[in-house]
Amino acid sequence: MVTYRPLARSELPIDTAALARNLIGKLVVRALPEGVASGRIVETEAYVVGDAAGHGYRGMTPRNRSLFLERGHAYVYLAYGTSMMLNVSSEAPGIGTGVLIRALEPLDGIAIMRRNRGIERLRDLTRGPGRLAQALRIDRSLDGIDLCREGSLWLAHDGHGPARGAYEPREIGQGVRIGISKDADRPLRFYLRGSPFVSGPGSLNE
């Protein structure tokens, strides 16, 4: 049986870009009534202080207040009226910055994720932020929860390496973020090079 050790808050850098890079290779774990589903983070985007593309740019609102929590809390919002997005608050309390989890490599609970998504193809289960949220049944009820504590959703160390030992990510790539118009040229997207589960066009993942 796989055990999932939550990431301690002290292990999370107090810097948004550094956290986005640090989360590559870590796990997102979701506890559901029918079992546990998990995936390895292979792609993230940082939304830093003073970032016009960030939800915290114009200050705190009832919708985005979880983004202003101490690093390691979930900020979940509905994008374009159709897709949930999972973000991790990333700095000191009161600073509205975060890391968007863009893609996962499915690990455990794949049958659960397939039912949630209504598809069979492994590569497309969690490749993209909306898809991964649907696969893990992430919704606004999870907004604001502490991701550094085991519960319904948390961040964990990866024990899926050789002989279930610690996983070490291969080379981490860095490039521009996807699907934004403001501050679009900033290299704040991080991804696991060579992973088939990274989203976006191949030209951005070289």
C-alpha atoms as a PDB file:
ATOM      1  CA  MET A   1       0.000   0.000   0.000  1.00  0.00           C
ATOM      2  CA  VAL A   2       1.326   3.433  -0.953  1.00  0.00           C
ATOM      3  CA  THR A   3       1.735   5.964   1.838  1.00  0.00           C
ATOM      4  CA  TYR A   4       1.714   9.669   1.115  1.00  0.00           C
ATOM      5  CA  ARG A   5       3.836  11.900   3.354  1.00  0.00           C
ATOM      6  CA  PRO A   6       2.494  15.464   3.235  1.00  0.00           C
ATOM      7  CA  LEU A   7       4.881  18.243   2.327  1.00  0.00           C
ATOM      8  CA  ALA A   8       5.698  20.310   5.386  1.00  0.00           C
ATOM      9  CA  ARG A   9       5.193  24.033   5.055  1.00  0.00           C
ATOM     10  CA  SER A  10       8.817  24.520   6.075  1.00  0.00           C
ATOM     11  CA  GLU A  11       9.796  22.599   2.924  1.00  0.00           C
ATOM     12  CA  LEU A  12       8.037  25.097   0.649  1.00  0.00           C
ATOM     13  CA  PRO A  13      10.164  28.035  -0.561  1.00  0.00           C
ATOM     14  CA  ILE A  14       8.789  31.464   0.368  1.00  0.00           C
ATOM     15  CA  ASP A  15       9.091  32.590  -3.233  1.00  0.00           C
ATOM     16  CA  THR A  16       6.505  31.967  -5.927  1.00  0.00           C
ATOM     17  CA  ALA A  17       8.800  31.102  -8.835  1.00  0.00           C
ATOM     18  CA  ALA A  18      10.985  28.917  -6.614  1.00  0.00           C
ATOM     19  CA  LEU A  19       7.900  27.102  -5.320  1.00  0.00           C
ATOM     20  CA  ALA A  20       6.605  26.508  -8.865  1.00  0.00           C
ATOM     21  CA  ARG A  21       9.903  24.847  -9.727  1.00  0.00           C
ATOM     22  CA  ASN A  22      10.106  22.987  -6.420  1.00  0.00           C
ATOM     23  CA  LEU A  23       6.673  21.396  -6.902  1.00  0.00           C
ATOM     24  CA  ILE A  24       7.749  19.583 -10.078  1.00  0.00           C
ATOM     25  CA  GLY A  25       7.998  15.918  -9.114  1.00  0.00           C
ATOM     26  CA  LYS A  26       5.805  16.249  -6.024  1.00  0.00           C
ATOM     27  CA  LEU A  27       2.349  14.667  -5.721  1.00  0.00           C
ATOM     28  CA  VAL A  28      -1.201  15.930  -5.586  1.00  0.00           C
ATOM     29  CA  VAL A  29      -3.254  13.451  -3.541  1.00  0.00           C
ATOM     30  CA  ARG A  30      -7.053  13.348  -3.471  1.00  0.00           C
ATOM     31  CA  ALA A  31      -9.024  11.230  -1.005  1.00  0.00           C
ATOM     32  CA  LEU A  32     -12.452  10.259  -2.355  1.00  0.00           C
ATOM     33  CA  PRO A  33     -15.145   7.951  -0.974  1.00  0.00           C
ATOM     34  CA  GLU A  34     -14.185   5.250  -3.493  1.00  0.00           C
ATOM     35  CA  GLY A  35     -10.453   5.497  -2.852  1.00  0.00           C
ATOM     36  CA  VAL A  36      -7.351   7.641  -3.233  1.00  0.00           C
ATOM     37  CA  ALA A  37      -6.203   9.133  -6.530  1.00  0.00           C
ATOM     38  CA  SER A  38      -2.837  10.781  -7.039  1.00  0.00           C
ATOM     39  CA  GLY A  39      -0.631  12.275  -9.710  1.00  0.00           C
ATOM     40  CA  ARG A  40       2.919  13.542 -10.035  1.00  0.00           C
ATOM     41  CA  ILE A  41       3.181  17.262 -10.813  1.00  0.00           C
ATOM     42  CA  VAL A  42       4.869  17.716 -14.201  1.00  0.00           C
ATOM     43  CA  GLU A  43       3.899  21.303 -15.026  1.00  0.00           C
ATOM     44  CA  THR A  44       3.278  24.488 -13.045  1.00  0.00           C
ATOM     45  CA  GLU A  45       2.933  28.229 -13.602  1.00  0.00           C
ATOM     46  CA  ALA A  46       3.973  30.958 -11.163  1.00  0.00           C
ATOM     47  CA  TYR A  47       1.932  34.133 -10.649  1.00  0.00           C
ATOM     48  CA  VAL A  48       4.285  36.420  -8.759  1.00  0.00           C
ATOM     49  CA  VAL A  49       4.130  39.762  -6.907  1.00  0.00           C
ATOM     50  CA  GLY A  50       3.205  42.583  -9.284  1.00  0.00           C
ATOM     51  CA  ASP A  51       2.107  40.152 -11.988  1.00  0.00           C
ATOM     52  CA  ALA A  52      -0.698  41.658 -14.092  1.00  0.00           C
ATOM     53  CA  ALA A  53      -1.834  38.134 -15.030  1.00  0.00           C
ATOM     54  CA  GLY A  54      -2.277  37.109 -11.379  1.00  0.00           C
ATOM     55  CA  HIS A  55      -5.627  37.039  -9.612  1.00  0.00           C
ATOM     56  CA  GLY A  56      -4.152  38.930  -6.651  1.00  0.00           C
ATOM     57  CA  TYR A  57      -2.865  41.842  -8.747  1.00  0.00           C
ATOM     58  CA  ARG A  58      -5.695  44.210  -7.797  1.00  0.00           C
ATOM     59  CA  GLY A  59      -5.966  43.080  -4.190  1.00  0.00           C
ATOM     60  CA  MET A  60      -8.049  40.724  -2.103  1.00  0.00           C
ATOM     61  CA  THR A  61     -11.683  39.962  -2.910  1.00  0.00           C
ATOM     62  CA  PRO A  62     -14.133  37.394  -1.525  1.00  0.00           C
ATOM     63  CA  ARG A  63     -13.358  35.223  -4.566  1.00  0.00           C
ATOM     64  CA  ASN A  64      -9.567  35.209  -4.284  1.00  0.00           C
ATOM     65  CA  ARG A  65      -8.963  35.500  -0.533  1.00  0.00           C
ATOM     66  CA  SER A  66      -7.461  31.988  -0.341  1.00  0.00           C
ATOM     67  CA  LEU A  67      -4.643  33.228  -2.581  1.00  0.00           C
ATOM     68  CA  PHE A  68      -3.614  35.546   0.262  1.00  0.00           C
ATOM     69  CA  LEU A  69      -3.244  32.752   2.828  1.00  0.00           C
ATOM     70  CA  GLU A  70       0.106  31.482   4.060  1.00  0.00           C
ATOM     71  CA  ARG A  71       1.944  29.396   1.455  1.00  0.00           C
ATOM     72  CA  GLY A  72       0.641  25.867   0.986  1.00  0.00           C
ATOM     73  CA  HIS A  73      -3.125  26.474   0.880  1.00  0.00           C
ATOM     74  CA  ALA A  74      -5.458  25.679  -2.006  1.00  0.00           C
ATOM     75  CA  TYR A  75      -6.930  28.420  -4.162  1.00  0.00           C
ATOM     76  CA  VAL A  76      -9.604  26.878  -6.382  1.00  0.00           C
ATOM     77  CA  TYR A  77     -11.549  28.912  -8.905  1.00  0.00           C
ATOM     78  CA  LEU A  78     -13.782  28.394 -11.922  1.00  0.00           C
ATOM     79  CA  ALA A  79     -12.193  29.528 -15.198  1.00  0.00           C
ATOM     80  CA  TYR A  80     -14.258  30.547 -18.243  1.00  0.00           C
ATOM     81  CA  GLY A  81     -17.356  29.222 -16.497  1.00  0.00           C
ATOM     82  CA  THR A  82     -16.380  25.639 -17.304  1.00  0.00           C
ATOM     83  CA  SER A  83     -13.165  24.416 -15.657  1.00  0.00           C
ATOM     84  CA  MET A  84     -11.892  24.351 -12.096  1.00  0.00           C
ATOM     85  CA  MET A  85      -8.276  25.382 -11.508  1.00  0.00           C
ATOM     86  CA  LEU A  86      -6.095  24.236  -8.603  1.00  0.00           C
ATOM     87  CA  ASN A  87      -3.534  26.723  -7.309  1.00  0.00           C
ATOM     88  CA  VAL A  88      -1.208  26.765  -4.307  1.00  0.00           C
ATOM     89  CA  SER A  89      -0.801  29.984  -2.308  1.00  0.00           C
ATOM     90  CA  SER A  90       2.871  30.764  -2.365  1.00  0.00           C
ATOM     91  CA  GLU A  91       4.209  33.403  -0.019  1.00  0.00           C
ATOM     92  CA  ALA A  92       3.608  35.105   3.346  1.00  0.00           C
ATOM     93  CA  PRO A  93       0.043  35.745   4.566  1.00  0.00           C
ATOM     94  CA  GLY A  94      -1.451  38.807   2.901  1.00  0.00           C
ATOM     95  CA  ILE A  95       0.516  38.493  -0.353  1.00  0.00           C
ATOM     96  CA  GLY A  96      -1.753  37.383  -3.205  1.00  0.00           C
ATOM     97  CA  THR A  97       0.496  35.121  -5.242  1.00  0.00           C
ATOM     98  CA  GLY A  98       0.185  31.501  -6.283  1.00  0.00           C
ATOM     99  CA  VAL A  99       1.238  28.544  -8.363  1.00  0.00           C
ATOM    100  CA  LEU A 100      -1.162  26.987 -10.860  1.00  0.00           C
ATOM    101  CA  ILE A 101      -0.889  23.195 -11.097  1.00  0.00           C
ATOM    102  CA  ARG A 102      -1.100  22.705 -14.872  1.00  0.00           C
ATOM    103  CA  ALA A 103      -0.547  18.975 -15.391  1.00  0.00           C
ATOM    104  CA  LEU A 104      -0.038  15.681 -13.573  1.00  0.00           C
ATOM    105  CA  GLU A 105       1.244  12.247 -14.458  1.00  0.00           C
ATOM    106  CA  PRO A 106      -1.480   9.864 -13.173  1.00  0.00           C
ATOM    107  CA  LEU A 107      -0.198   7.386 -10.587  1.00  0.00           C
ATOM    108  CA  ASP A 108      -2.769   5.838  -8.249  1.00  0.00           C
ATOM    109  CA  GLY A 109      -6.531   5.635  -8.590  1.00  0.00           C
ATOM    110  CA  ILE A 110      -6.407   5.707 -12.380  1.00  0.00           C
ATOM    111  CA  ALA A 111      -9.742   3.881 -12.649  1.00  0.00           C
ATOM    112  CA  ILE A 112     -11.323   6.576 -10.479  1.00  0.00           C
ATOM    113  CA  MET A 113      -9.870   9.308 -12.662  1.00  0.00           C
ATOM    114  CA  ARG A 114     -11.095   7.586 -15.828  1.00  0.00           C
ATOM    115  CA  ARG A 115     -14.636   7.458 -14.447  1.00  0.00           C
ATOM    116  CA  ASN A 116     -14.489  11.106 -13.388  1.00  0.00           C
ATOM    117  CA  ARG A 117     -13.264  12.174 -16.838  1.00  0.00           C
ATOM    118  CA  GLY A 118     -15.316   9.716 -18.867  1.00  0.00           C
ATOM    119  CA  ILE A 119     -12.305   8.766 -20.991  1.00  0.00           C
ATOM    120  CA  GLU A 120      -9.816   5.888 -21.128  1.00  0.00           C
ATOM    121  CA  ARG A 121      -6.698   7.448 -22.680  1.00  0.00           C
ATOM    122  CA  LEU A 122      -4.124   7.754 -19.884  1.00  0.00           C
ATOM    123  CA  ARG A 123      -2.244  10.653 -21.465  1.00  0.00           C
ATOM    124  CA  ASP A 124      -5.311  12.886 -21.469  1.00  0.00           C
ATOM    125  CA  LEU A 125      -6.560  12.200 -17.931  1.00  0.00           C
ATOM    126  CA  THR A 126      -4.679  15.001 -16.190  1.00  0.00           C
ATOM    127  CA  ARG A 127      -2.869  16.865 -18.993  1.00  0.00           C
ATOM    128  CA  GLY A 128      -4.053  20.420 -18.418  1.00  0.00           C
ATOM    129  CA  PRO A 129      -5.425  22.230 -15.340  1.00  0.00           C
ATOM    130  CA  GLY A 130      -9.113  21.737 -16.106  1.00  0.00           C
ATOM    131  CA  ARG A 131      -8.667  18.061 -16.889  1.00  0.00           C
ATOM    132  CA  LEU A 132      -6.729  17.325 -13.719  1.00  0.00           C
ATOM    133  CA  ALA A 133      -9.326  19.105 -11.602  1.00  0.00           C
ATOM    134  CA  GLN A 134     -12.092  17.039 -13.193  1.00  0.00           C
ATOM    135  CA  ALA A 135     -10.116  13.802 -12.818  1.00  0.00           C
ATOM    136  CA  LEU A 136      -9.546  14.458  -9.114  1.00  0.00           C
ATOM    137  CA  ARG A 137     -13.032  15.915  -8.576  1.00  0.00           C
ATOM    138  CA  ILE A 138     -11.662  19.232  -7.355  1.00  0.00           C
ATOM    139  CA  ASP A 139     -14.261  21.936  -6.791  1.00  0.00           C
ATOM    140  CA  ARG A 140     -14.790  25.127  -4.832  1.00  0.00           C
ATOM    141  CA  SER A 141     -15.506  23.189  -1.639  1.00  0.00           C
ATOM    142  CA  LEU A 142     -11.735  22.604  -1.451  1.00  0.00           C
ATOM    143  CA  ASP A 143     -10.869  26.298  -1.737  1.00  0.00           C
ATOM    144  CA  GLY A 144      -8.731  27.423   1.195  1.00  0.00           C
ATOM    145  CA  ILE A 145      -7.826  24.018   2.613  1.00  0.00           C
ATOM    146  CA  ASP A 146      -4.358  23.388   3.993  1.00  0.00           C
ATOM    147  CA  LEU A 147      -2.433  21.333   1.429  1.00  0.00           C
ATOM    148  CA  CYS A 148       0.337  20.594   3.940  1.00  0.00           C
ATOM    149  CA  ARG A 149      -1.949  18.361   5.981  1.00  0.00           C
ATOM    150  CA  GLU A 150      -3.432  14.992   5.061  1.00  0.00           C
ATOM    151  CA  GLY A 151      -7.137  15.306   4.400  1.00  0.00           C
ATOM    152  CA  SER A 152      -9.361  15.449   1.332  1.00  0.00           C
ATOM    153  CA  LEU A 153      -6.624  17.035  -0.825  1.00  0.00           C
ATOM    154  CA  TRP A 154      -2.948  17.530  -0.099  1.00  0.00           C
ATOM    155  CA  LEU A 155       0.581  17.824  -1.483  1.00  0.00           C
ATOM    156  CA  ALA A 156       2.941  14.940  -0.812  1.00  0.00           C
ATOM    157  CA  HIS A 157       6.413  13.616  -1.376  1.00  0.00           C
ATOM    158  CA  ASP A 158       6.668  11.118  -4.209  1.00  0.00           C
ATOM    159  CA  GLY A 159       7.366   7.553  -3.123  1.00  0.00           C
ATOM    160  CA  HIS A 160       6.914   6.163  -6.634  1.00  0.00           C
ATOM    161  CA  GLY A 161      10.578   5.995  -7.568  1.00  0.00           C
ATOM    162  CA  PRO A 162      12.708   2.829  -7.784  1.00  0.00           C
ATOM    163  CA  ALA A 163      11.417   0.318  -5.240  1.00  0.00           C
ATOM    164  CA  ARG A 164       8.957   3.011  -4.134  1.00  0.00           C
ATOM    165  CA  GLY A 165      11.848   5.170  -2.962  1.00  0.00           C
ATOM    166  CA  ALA A 166      12.091   8.913  -3.401  1.00  0.00           C
ATOM    167  CA  TYR A 167      11.509  10.161  -6.928  1.00  0.00           C
ATOM    168  CA  GLU A 168      14.036  12.562  -8.432  1.00  0.00           C
ATOM    169  CA  PRO A 169      12.737  14.639 -11.347  1.00  0.00           C
ATOM    170  CA  ARG A 170      14.695  14.718 -14.563  1.00  0.00           C
ATOM    171  CA  GLU A 171      15.622  18.011 -16.184  1.00  0.00           C
ATOM    172  CA  ILE A 172      13.156  20.802 -15.484  1.00  0.00           C
ATOM    173  CA  GLY A 173      12.340  23.137 -18.375  1.00  0.00           C
ATOM    174  CA  GLN A 174      11.272  26.754 -18.108  1.00  0.00           C
ATOM    175  CA  GLY A 175       9.317  28.936 -20.505  1.00  0.00           C
ATOM    176  CA  VAL A 176       6.419  31.332 -20.977  1.00  0.00           C
ATOM    177  CA  ARG A 177       2.977  30.723 -19.527  1.00  0.00           C
ATOM    178  CA  ILE A 178       0.063  29.486 -21.614  1.00  0.00           C
ATOM    179  CA  GLY A 179      -3.258  31.151 -22.412  1.00  0.00           C
ATOM    180  CA  ILE A 180      -2.656  34.616 -20.918  1.00  0.00           C
ATOM    181  CA  SER A 181      -2.391  38.054 -22.503  1.00  0.00           C
ATOM    182  CA  LYS A 182      -0.884  40.140 -19.676  1.00  0.00           C
ATOM    183  CA  ASP A 183       2.811  39.722 -18.796  1.00  0.00           C
ATOM    184  CA  ALA A 184       2.765  36.878 -21.299  1.00  0.00           C
ATOM    185  CA  ASP A 185       6.479  36.964 -22.043  1.00  0.00           C
ATOM    186  CA  ARG A 186       7.656  36.148 -18.518  1.00  0.00           C
ATOM    187  CA  PRO A 187       9.341  32.709 -18.219  1.00  0.00           C
ATOM    188  CA  LEU A 188       7.283  31.517 -15.269  1.00  0.00           C
ATOM    189  CA  ARG A 189       6.107  28.102 -16.462  1.00  0.00           C
ATOM    190  CA  PHE A 190       8.052  25.052 -15.293  1.00  0.00           C
ATOM    191  CA  TYR A 191       7.723  21.541 -16.649  1.00  0.00           C
ATOM    192  CA  LEU A 192       9.326  18.107 -16.594  1.00  0.00           C
ATOM    193  CA  ARG A 193      11.222  17.752 -19.855  1.00  0.00           C
ATOM    194  CA  GLY A 194      10.283  14.677 -21.860  1.00  0.00           C
ATOM    195  CA  SER A 195       7.039  14.004 -19.998  1.00  0.00           C
ATOM    196  CA  PRO A 196       4.130  13.094 -22.307  1.00  0.00           C
ATOM    197  CA  PHE A 197       1.740  14.486 -19.695  1.00  0.00           C
ATOM    198  CA  VAL A 198       2.858  18.118 -20.025  1.00  0.00           C
ATOM    199  CA  SER A 199       0.197  20.320 -21.642  1.00  0.00           C
ATOM    200  CA  GLY A 200       0.558  22.860 -24.406  1.00  0.00           C
ATOM    201  CA  PRO A 201       2.160  22.645 -27.841  1.00  0.00           C
ATOM    202  CA  GLY A 202       5.379  20.702 -28.231  1.00  0.00           C
ATOM    203  CA  SER A 203       7.232  23.835 -29.349  1.00  0.00           C
ATOM    204  CA  LEU A 204       6.877  25.227 -25.822  1.00  0.00           C
ATOM    205  CA  ASN A 205       8.115  22.057 -24.136  1.00  0.00           C
ATOM    206  CA  GLU A 206      11.520  21.575 -25.723  1.00  0.00           C
END
